[in-house]
Protein backbone atom coordinates (compact mmCIF):
# COMPACT_ATOMS: atom_id res chain seq x y z
CA MET A 1 8.27 -39.63 -31.60
CA PRO A 2 7.92 -37.66 -28.78
CA LYS A 3 8.77 -36.10 -26.51
CA ILE A 4 8.11 -35.67 -22.34
CA PHE A 5 10.20 -33.65 -20.95
CA ILE A 6 8.62 -33.75 -16.83
CA THR A 7 9.73 -31.08 -14.79
CA ASN A 8 10.36 -30.91 -10.54
CA LYS A 9 9.34 -27.41 -9.44
CA SER A 10 9.46 -28.69 -5.73
CA ASP A 11 12.87 -28.28 -3.25
CA HIS A 12 13.37 -32.27 -2.98
CA PRO A 13 14.35 -35.21 -4.65
CA GLN A 14 11.01 -37.02 -6.72
CA LYS A 15 10.61 -39.49 -7.47
CA PHE A 16 8.33 -41.30 -10.70
CA TYR A 17 7.87 -44.96 -12.09
CA VAL A 18 7.99 -44.93 -15.65
CA ARG A 19 5.84 -46.82 -17.56
CA GLY A 20 6.28 -48.02 -21.52
CA TRP A 21 8.96 -46.20 -22.07
CA ASN A 22 12.69 -45.77 -19.99
CA ASN A 23 12.96 -49.07 -20.76
CA ASN A 24 10.47 -48.88 -17.06
CA ALA A 25 13.74 -47.92 -15.35
CA ASP A 26 12.20 -45.73 -12.38
CA LEU A 27 13.78 -41.89 -12.48
CA ILE A 28 14.62 -39.19 -10.30
CA VAL A 29 14.41 -35.44 -10.92
CA LYS A 30 16.09 -33.57 -9.22
CA PRO A 31 15.25 -30.30 -7.24
CA ARG A 32 13.97 -27.69 -9.79
CA SER A 33 15.12 -29.49 -12.61
CA LYS A 34 13.98 -31.16 -16.08
CA SER A 35 14.24 -34.49 -17.23
CA THR A 36 13.29 -36.07 -20.67
CA ILE A 37 12.20 -38.92 -22.28
CA GLN A 38 12.56 -39.81 -25.36
CA ALA A 39 8.93 -41.88 -26.21
CA PRO A 40 10.25 -44.80 -29.02
CA SER A 41 8.03 -44.97 -32.80
CA HIS A 42 7.84 -48.56 -30.93
CA THR A 43 5.80 -47.68 -27.71
CA ASN A 44 2.97 -45.20 -27.87
CA SER A 45 1.40 -45.30 -24.83
CA GLY A 46 2.25 -45.24 -20.88
CA ALA A 47 1.70 -43.69 -17.60
CA ILE A 48 4.80 -41.07 -15.65
CA ILE A 49 4.22 -41.96 -12.07
CA ALA A 50 5.26 -39.98 -8.75
CA VAL A 51 5.84 -42.26 -6.12
CA HIS A 52 5.72 -40.73 -2.82
CA ASP A 53 7.04 -42.76 0.60
CA GLY A 54 7.52 -46.63 -1.35
CA HIS A 55 3.23 -46.10 -1.98
CA GLU A 56 2.63 -45.21 -5.92
CA GLY A 57 0.29 -41.49 -6.19
CA GLU A 58 -0.76 -39.45 -9.05
CA GLN A 59 0.09 -40.56 -12.52
CA ALA A 60 -0.13 -38.78 -15.76
CA GLU A 61 -1.46 -41.45 -18.30
CA ILE A 62 -0.34 -40.68 -22.02
CA THR A 63 -1.16 -42.34 -25.62
CA PHE A 64 0.40 -40.40 -28.85
CA ASN A 65 -1.11 -40.27 -32.15
CA GLY A 66 -4.14 -42.37 -31.55
CA PHE A 67 -7.50 -42.20 -32.74
CA GLU A 68 -7.72 -39.14 -35.44
CA GLY A 69 -3.24 -39.07 -34.88
CA ASN A 70 -4.39 -37.06 -31.78
CA ASP A 71 -2.48 -37.92 -28.54
CA PHE A 72 -4.70 -38.77 -25.91
CA PHE A 73 -4.15 -37.90 -21.98
CA ASP A 74 -5.53 -37.63 -18.61
CA MET A 75 -3.64 -36.85 -15.02
CA SER A 76 -5.37 -40.03 -12.22
CA ASN A 77 -5.90 -39.74 -9.65
CA ILE A 78 -7.38 -42.83 -8.91
CA VAL A 79 -4.49 -44.85 -7.00
CA GLY A 80 -3.45 -42.05 -4.94
CA ALA A 81 -1.60 -38.95 -3.97
CA GLY A 82 1.18 -37.34 -2.45
CA GLY A 83 2.14 -34.46 -4.65
CA ASN A 84 0.60 -31.82 -7.58
CA MET A 85 0.92 -32.44 -11.26
CA THR A 86 -0.13 -31.35 -14.14
CA ILE A 87 0.08 -32.92 -18.02
CA GLN A 88 -0.48 -30.88 -20.88
CA GLN A 89 0.81 -30.58 -25.01
CA GLN A 90 3.78 -28.17 -25.31
CA GLY A 91 2.82 -24.76 -26.32
CA LEU A 92 -0.50 -25.71 -24.85
CA PRO A 93 -1.71 -24.36 -22.06
CA SER A 94 -5.36 -25.17 -23.14
CA THR A 95 -4.57 -29.06 -23.41
CA ARG A 96 -3.60 -28.57 -19.69
CA LYS A 97 -5.67 -31.52 -17.31
CA GLY A 98 -5.17 -32.29 -13.67
CA ASP A 99 -5.29 -29.78 -10.58
CA PRO A 100 -1.98 -27.38 -9.80
CA LEU A 101 -2.80 -27.53 -6.21
CA PHE A 102 -4.53 -30.80 -5.14
CA MET A 103 -3.38 -31.67 -1.90
CA GLN A 104 -4.00 -28.17 -1.13
CA ASN A 105 -7.88 -28.46 -1.77
CA LEU A 106 -7.78 -32.57 -0.76
CA ARG A 107 -5.77 -30.44 2.84
CA LYS A 108 -9.02 -28.01 3.25
CA ALA A 109 -11.63 -30.38 1.94
CA TRP A 110 -10.11 -32.26 5.29
CA THR A 111 -10.50 -29.32 7.43
CA LYS A 112 -13.89 -28.94 6.78
CA ALA A 113 -15.04 -32.53 6.53
CA SER A 114 -16.96 -33.86 9.71
CA PRO A 115 -15.85 -35.58 12.59
CA ALA A 116 -17.96 -38.36 11.35
CA THR A 117 -16.21 -38.26 7.50
CA ARG A 118 -13.17 -38.15 9.21
CA ASN A 119 -14.01 -41.42 11.24
CA GLU A 120 -15.01 -43.05 7.83
CA LEU A 121 -12.06 -42.22 6.08
CA LYS A 122 -9.73 -43.08 8.64
CA GLY A 123 -7.26 -45.36 6.99
CA HIS A 124 -6.78 -43.70 3.74
CA ILE A 125 -6.01 -40.22 4.65
CA PHE A 126 -3.03 -39.65 6.37
CA THR A 127 -1.30 -37.13 7.90
CA ASN A 128 2.10 -36.42 9.47
CA LYS A 129 3.08 -34.81 13.16
CA GLU A 130 1.74 -31.23 12.80
CA GLY A 131 -2.11 -33.18 11.86
CA LYS A 132 -1.23 -31.82 7.53
CA VAL A 133 -2.07 -34.41 5.18
CA VAL A 134 0.58 -35.95 4.21
CA ARG A 135 -0.18 -38.37 1.00
CA MET A 136 -4.21 -40.12 0.24
CA GLY A 137 -4.50 -43.70 -0.44
CA PRO A 138 -6.75 -45.57 -4.01
CA ILE A 139 -9.39 -44.29 -4.11
CA LYS A 140 -10.28 -47.51 -6.34
CA GLY A 141 -12.77 -49.55 -3.92
CA ASN A 142 -13.62 -46.87 -1.51
CA PRO A 143 -16.50 -44.88 -2.81
CA ARG A 144 -16.76 -43.10 0.46
CA LEU A 145 -13.54 -41.98 -0.51
CA GLU A 146 -14.50 -40.52 -4.03
CA ALA A 147 -16.95 -39.51 -3.08
CA PHE A 148 -14.96 -36.71 -1.14
CA VAL A 149 -12.26 -36.36 -3.52
CA ARG A 150 -15.66 -34.90 -5.70
CA THR A 151 -16.32 -32.63 -3.72
CA PHE A 152 -12.42 -30.70 -4.03
CA ALA A 153 -11.42 -31.60 -7.48
CA ASP A 154 -14.19 -33.31 -9.33
CA GLY A 155 -13.89 -32.75 -13.23
CA LYS A 156 -9.89 -31.65 -12.52
CA THR A 157 -8.20 -34.77 -13.03
CA TYR A 158 -9.26 -38.81 -13.53
CA ILE A 159 -11.29 -39.28 -10.08
CA GLY A 160 -13.50 -42.65 -10.81
CA VAL A 161 -12.51 -45.80 -13.20
CA GLY A 162 -14.34 -43.69 -15.70
CA ALA A 163 -16.26 -45.94 -18.44
CA TRP A 164 -14.64 -49.76 -19.51
CA ASN A 165 -15.28 -52.68 -19.95
CA GLY A 166 -19.28 -51.93 -19.65
CA SER A 167 -19.29 -49.82 -17.31
CA PRO A 168 -20.51 -46.15 -18.78
CA GLY A 169 -18.29 -44.51 -15.84
CA VAL A 170 -19.01 -40.57 -14.82
CA ALA A 171 -18.59 -37.78 -17.48
CA SER A 172 -16.66 -35.79 -15.78
CA ASP A 173 -14.11 -38.77 -15.76
CA ASN A 174 -14.94 -39.45 -19.04
CA ASN A 175 -14.33 -35.90 -20.26
CA GLN A 176 -10.64 -35.86 -19.08
CA SER A 177 -9.70 -38.06 -22.37
CA SER A 178 -10.54 -35.90 -24.73
CA ALA A 179 -8.00 -36.21 -27.80
CA GLY A 180 -4.88 -32.76 -27.90
CA GLN A 181 -4.47 -31.22 -30.81
CA GLY A 182 -2.73 -34.26 -32.83
CA THR A 183 1.49 -35.48 -31.50
CA LYS A 184 2.98 -33.15 -29.75
CA ASN A 185 5.96 -33.40 -26.02
CA ALA A 186 4.12 -33.72 -23.70
CA ILE A 187 5.20 -31.32 -20.63
CA ILE A 188 4.95 -32.94 -16.97
CA THR A 189 4.74 -30.52 -14.29
CA TYR A 190 5.07 -31.50 -10.54
CA SER A 191 5.47 -29.10 -7.68
CA ASP A 192 4.30 -29.55 -3.46
CA GLY A 193 2.82 -26.28 -4.87
CA ASP A 194 1.62 -24.36 -7.59
CA ALA A 195 2.05 -27.49 -10.98
CA THR A 196 1.04 -24.64 -13.14
CA PRO A 197 3.43 -25.78 -16.25
CA GLY A 198 6.25 -21.75 -16.57
CA PRO A 199 5.90 -20.01 -19.12
CA GLU A 200 8.69 -21.32 -21.30
CA ASP A 201 6.51 -24.24 -21.63
CA ASN A 202 4.25 -22.84 -23.59
CA ASN A 203 6.66 -20.33 -25.57
CA ASN A 204 7.48 -22.64 -28.57
CA LYS A 205 6.51 -22.42 -32.06
CA THR A 206 3.44 -24.20 -32.07
CA PRO A 207 0.51 -23.20 -33.01
CA GLN A 208 -2.79 -22.69 -30.87
CA ARG A 209 -5.72 -23.06 -33.13
CA ALA A 210 -7.69 -20.40 -33.28
CA PRO A 211 -11.24 -20.09 -30.85
CA ILE A 212 -14.07 -21.84 -32.85
CA GLU A 213 -17.93 -21.52 -32.16
CA ALA A 214 -18.09 -23.96 -30.91
CA MET A 215 -16.22 -23.00 -27.55
CA SER A 216 -18.64 -20.15 -27.04
CA MET A 217 -22.00 -21.56 -27.83
CA ALA A 218 -21.58 -24.23 -25.49
CA HIS A 219 -24.03 -25.55 -23.42
CA GLU A 220 -23.16 -27.07 -19.94
CA ASN A 221 -25.63 -29.64 -20.37
CA PRO A 222 -25.57 -30.37 -23.66
CA GLU A 223 -28.99 -33.04 -22.93
CA ALA A 224 -30.58 -30.98 -21.84
CA SER A 225 -30.30 -27.50 -23.84
CA SER A 226 -30.79 -26.11 -27.58
CA GLU A 227 -29.99 -23.56 -30.46
CA ALA A 228 -32.73 -23.83 -32.88
CA PRO A 229 -32.34 -23.35 -36.85
CA LYS A 230 -33.30 -19.35 -36.79
CA SER A 231 -36.19 -20.16 -39.44
CA GLN A 232 -39.34 -22.31 -38.77
CA GLY A 233 -39.99 -22.26 -42.88
CA ASN A 234 -40.06 -24.99 -44.92
CA ASN A 235 -36.57 -26.17 -47.35
CA ASN A 236 -37.66 -24.58 -50.40
CA ASN A 237 -37.35 -21.08 -48.85
CA ARG A 238 -33.45 -21.32 -47.58
CA GLN A 239 -31.94 -22.87 -50.19
CA GLY A 240 -29.16 -20.17 -49.99
CA GLU A 241 -27.91 -21.17 -47.79
CA VAL A 242 -24.54 -23.14 -46.66
CA GLY A 243 -25.91 -25.78 -44.21
CA ILE A 244 -27.39 -29.08 -43.50
CA ASP A 245 -31.62 -30.88 -44.62
CA LEU A 246 -32.01 -33.09 -40.98
CA HIS A 247 -34.34 -35.66 -41.80
CA ASN A 248 -35.28 -37.47 -39.10
CA LYS A 249 -36.89 -40.69 -40.26
CA SER A 250 -36.77 -43.24 -37.15
CA ASN A 251 -40.24 -43.77 -36.02
CA LYS A 252 -38.79 -41.69 -32.73
CA SER A 253 -38.28 -38.04 -31.28
CA CYS A 254 -35.02 -37.42 -31.39
CA ARG A 255 -32.57 -34.30 -31.12
CA TYR A 256 -29.41 -34.36 -33.41
CA PHE A 257 -26.19 -33.17 -31.98
CA PHE A 258 -23.50 -30.88 -34.12
CA TYR A 259 -19.61 -31.06 -33.44
CA ASP A 260 -17.69 -28.26 -34.17
CA ASN A 261 -13.62 -29.95 -34.28
CA TYR A 262 -11.73 -29.02 -32.40
CA TRP A 263 -8.70 -27.83 -35.91
CA ASN A 264 -8.36 -29.79 -38.74
CA GLY A 265 -4.73 -30.40 -40.99
CA ASN A 266 -3.71 -31.58 -44.01
CA GLY A 267 -5.73 -35.82 -43.47
CA THR A 268 -5.80 -35.45 -39.66
CA ALA A 269 -8.80 -33.56 -37.74
CA GLY A 270 -8.95 -32.36 -33.61
CA ALA A 271 -12.54 -34.80 -32.97
CA ASN A 272 -14.49 -32.95 -30.36
CA PHE A 273 -15.95 -35.00 -28.10
CA ASP A 274 -18.02 -33.24 -25.49
CA LYS A 275 -18.39 -29.40 -26.59
CA PRO A 276 -21.48 -29.75 -29.17
CA LEU A 277 -22.21 -26.32 -31.52
CA LYS A 278 -25.79 -26.49 -31.37
CA SER A 279 -28.70 -28.95 -31.08
CA ILE A 280 -32.12 -29.58 -32.92
CA GLU A 281 -34.86 -31.55 -32.36
CA LEU A 282 -36.69 -33.67 -34.38
CA ALA A 283 -40.53 -34.93 -33.91
CA PRO A 284 -40.67 -38.54 -36.34
CA GLY A 285 -40.77 -38.12 -39.94
CA ALA A 286 -38.93 -34.71 -39.54
CA GLY A 287 -36.97 -32.83 -41.56
CA LYS A 288 -35.44 -29.54 -40.79
CA PHE A 289 -32.66 -26.75 -42.37
CA VAL A 290 -30.32 -26.48 -40.25
CA PRO A 291 -27.30 -23.07 -41.33
CA LEU A 292 -23.84 -23.54 -40.22
CA LYS A 293 -21.27 -20.78 -40.86
CA ASN A 294 -19.10 -21.92 -44.27
CA THR A 295 -16.60 -23.11 -41.74
CA PHE A 296 -17.88 -26.34 -40.33
CA LYS A 297 -15.90 -29.27 -40.51
CA GLY A 298 -16.48 -31.84 -38.00
CA ARG A 299 -20.12 -34.31 -38.12
CA VAL A 300 -23.72 -34.50 -36.18
CA GLN A 301 -24.84 -36.98 -34.87
CA ARG A 302 -28.28 -39.23 -32.55
CA GLY A 303 -27.59 -37.48 -28.90
CA THR A 304 -24.24 -36.96 -27.17
CA LYS A 305 -22.82 -40.28 -25.69
CA ILE A 306 -20.40 -42.37 -27.69
CA PRO A 307 -20.74 -44.96 -29.64
CA ALA A 308 -22.62 -42.71 -31.91
CA THR A 309 -22.70 -43.39 -36.10
CA TRP A 310 -21.30 -39.81 -36.81
CA VAL A 311 -22.16 -38.24 -40.56
CA GLU A 312 -18.91 -36.65 -40.81
CA PHE A 313 -18.47 -33.69 -43.86
CA GLN A 314 -17.24 -30.30 -43.81
CA CYS A 315 -19.42 -27.51 -45.07
CA GLU A 316 -16.70 -25.13 -47.92
CA ALA A 317 -13.18 -27.48 -48.83
CA ALA A 318 -9.97 -24.74 -49.26
CA ASN A 319 -9.40 -26.70 -52.63
CA ASP A 320 -12.70 -26.25 -54.61
CA GLY A 321 -15.54 -24.25 -52.47
CA TRP A 322 -17.54 -28.09 -52.30
CA ALA A 323 -19.51 -29.08 -49.79
CA HIS A 324 -17.81 -32.84 -48.35
CA GLY A 325 -18.85 -36.03 -46.39
CA ASP A 326 -19.08 -39.05 -45.16
CA ILE A 327 -20.57 -41.65 -43.22
CA SER A 328 -17.84 -42.81 -40.01
CA LEU A 329 -18.49 -46.18 -37.76
CA GLN A 330 -15.31 -46.84 -36.30
CA GLN A 331 -16.91 -44.64 -32.98
CA GLY A 332 -19.70 -47.38 -33.42
CA CYS A 333 -22.42 -47.54 -34.45
CA ASP A 334 -26.56 -46.79 -33.50
CA GLY A 335 -28.32 -46.90 -36.22
CA ALA A 336 -28.76 -46.24 -40.28
CA ALA A 337 -27.86 -42.94 -42.05
CA THR A 338 -27.15 -41.64 -45.72
CA ILE A 339 -25.57 -38.56 -46.91
CA GLN A 340 -26.33 -36.57 -50.03
CA GLY A 341 -25.72 -33.35 -52.34
CA THR A 342 -28.55 -31.21 -53.20
CA ASP A 343 -27.30 -30.22 -56.30
CA GLY A 344 -28.19 -32.92 -58.69
CA ALA A 345 -25.62 -34.63 -59.47
CA PRO A 346 -23.67 -36.90 -58.01
CA HIS A 347 -20.20 -35.47 -57.46
CA GLY A 348 -17.04 -37.03 -55.78
CA SER A 349 -16.80 -41.58 -55.48
CA GLY A 350 -20.56 -41.86 -54.50
CA LEU A 351 -24.22 -40.12 -54.84
CA VAL A 352 -25.38 -41.61 -51.59
CA GLY A 353 -23.01 -42.43 -48.38
CA GLY A 354 -24.46 -44.65 -46.24
CA PHE A 355 -26.87 -46.87 -45.71
CA LYS A 356 -30.50 -48.01 -44.40
CA HIS A 357 -30.97 -50.38 -43.09
CA ASP A 358 -31.34 -52.25 -39.28
CA VAL A 359 -27.22 -53.53 -37.94
CA ILE A 360 -27.58 -53.96 -34.96
CA THR A 361 -30.67 -56.06 -34.72
CA ARG A 362 -29.54 -58.85 -35.97
CA ALA A 363 -25.18 -59.01 -34.77
CA PRO A 364 -23.77 -61.00 -32.87
CA ALA A 365 -23.54 -59.94 -29.05
CA ALA A 366 -20.03 -60.06 -29.12
CA ALA A 367 -20.12 -56.51 -30.87
CA LYS A 368 -22.31 -54.75 -29.69
CA VAL A 369 -22.83 -53.28 -26.13
CA LYS A 370 -25.50 -51.32 -23.92
CA ARG A 371 -24.23 -47.51 -23.86
CA GLU A 372 -25.01 -45.48 -20.62
CA ASP A 373 -27.93 -44.94 -21.39
CA GLY A 374 -28.94 -47.97 -22.22
CA VAL A 375 -29.30 -48.17 -25.68
CA TRP A 376 -27.25 -51.30 -27.75
CA CYS A 377 -25.12 -50.03 -30.62
CA LEU A 378 -22.22 -51.82 -32.71
CA ALA A 379 -19.13 -51.29 -30.02
CA SER A 380 -15.82 -48.70 -31.86
CA THR A 381 -13.95 -51.14 -34.82
CA MET A 382 -10.57 -48.23 -33.50
CA GLY A 383 -11.12 -48.32 -30.15
CA ASN A 384 -10.84 -45.32 -28.32
CA TRP A 385 -10.68 -44.58 -24.24
CA MET A 386 -13.59 -47.08 -23.50
CA GLY A 387 -11.81 -50.21 -24.60
CA PRO A 388 -9.66 -51.80 -27.27
CA PRO A 389 -10.80 -51.99 -31.65
CA ASN A 390 -14.41 -54.35 -31.14
CA GLU A 391 -13.14 -56.76 -34.29
CA ALA A 392 -16.06 -59.36 -34.05
CA ALA A 393 -18.11 -55.27 -34.66
CA ALA A 394 -15.02 -54.69 -37.41
CA GLU A 395 -16.08 -58.10 -38.64
CA TRP A 396 -20.18 -57.33 -38.86
CA LEU A 397 -19.79 -54.00 -40.82
CA PHE A 398 -18.28 -55.15 -43.21
CA LYS A 399 -20.70 -58.30 -43.91
CA GLU A 400 -23.88 -56.13 -43.85
CA VAL A 401 -22.91 -53.16 -45.39
CA GLY A 402 -18.66 -52.64 -46.21
CA GLN A 403 -15.84 -50.19 -46.55
CA LYS A 404 -17.64 -48.56 -49.36
CA LYS A 405 -20.25 -47.79 -48.12
CA ALA A 406 -18.91 -46.03 -44.56
CA TYR A 407 -15.87 -45.96 -42.63
CA ILE A 408 -15.45 -49.11 -41.48
CA LYS A 409 -11.74 -49.30 -40.50
CA GLY A 410 -8.74 -46.95 -42.11
CA GLY A 411 -9.26 -43.96 -43.84
CA SER A 412 -9.90 -44.99 -47.70
CA GLY A 413 -12.49 -47.30 -50.32
CA THR A 414 -15.78 -44.72 -48.75
CA ASP A 415 -18.03 -42.90 -51.15
CA VAL A 416 -17.04 -38.97 -49.95
CA ILE A 417 -20.07 -37.13 -51.32
CA SER A 418 -20.47 -33.75 -52.66
CA SER A 419 -22.67 -30.98 -52.96
CA LYS A 420 -21.40 -27.76 -54.90
CA ASN A 421 -24.07 -25.98 -53.88
CA ARG A 422 -22.42 -27.11 -49.91
CA ARG A 423 -25.44 -28.39 -48.35
CA PHE A 424 -26.35 -31.73 -47.85
CA GLU A 425 -29.34 -34.01 -46.99
CA VAL A 426 -28.69 -35.75 -44.42
CA CYS A 427 -31.06 -38.44 -42.77
CA PHE A 428 -31.02 -40.83 -39.33
CA PHE A 429 -33.22 -44.13 -39.59
């Protein structure tokens, strides 16, 4: 299991509560020093919480080796603040989370706050004799304080409780739980000044992922934007190109989003939850060809929310040059979908993957969850930042679909569909 490196850049000893590791014993890091915690193999989740005058403050929450072998981590100020803290994977500054100048930004916002705002937050923002803000109380359960903190820290740290127990949360909070790149050492940096990690934490031999097209083409508001296919012709005049023949078999218009993985490894992948590559809207019964690069390896789904049915595929495998794909219900199910090759041959372990029938309407209540857009879906069978695995959903899907037609749990036993001409027909029902 990886290590957790905690650096204290301040001029004073800093106390941390440790939850999940270090036998749950408190840790005091000396001024301008670094401490190391070995994460044991039997415990992959925990938190490192900075303590200020006996009060919990900013905290780094970590799950090692989570979904698809990736680390999930975030910085949270839900229970308070008294210093600055960031977290990232070692050698990967692109994975950094947290506001390295949270307290400085809090003080600026407090200086500009109106007398009415200061009065509302009395007893929640704490100052010293000189009037300098030294600590912030818990945000949880205090909507006025939450609104105030969002004016300067929204999208940088967890502020609200996020998606949990049926609540959709706030998108900028939910995004804090995005996956890292595999499992690596965690770098936590504390400071009264700038909590940006030093160069020594970004110069190891861990390779960084190459930039991908999804990053440069990401939309600020993917729900309201799209990138239409380059051609408006029919599918037959695009037979030489790599991509997807996409069909909307439902009775309502729908926008479909393509997500390129952040990175790909040997049997692992960095799932992309927040940066769609392109999207296309199809009327009921309509179909379009969507061209993709040979390097695409990811998924297409309805909309941008989860739970959702994932049609996973890569356009050109390194070992044989063919396209390979499958249906996955591990992140939930919002309806039926199928995938099949277009070269007319039953390559792979099955000719058509997925299913066409409704599995949501008759599902037991315990298996369902209302998505933040109001759509009823089957919950995730493997769990994610929104909650643990839903065993009722898994049991229902094993009965109604089966592991052979779609990934429900685990990474084996499911038909992998292949296509020599590097294009699939994908249908959403």
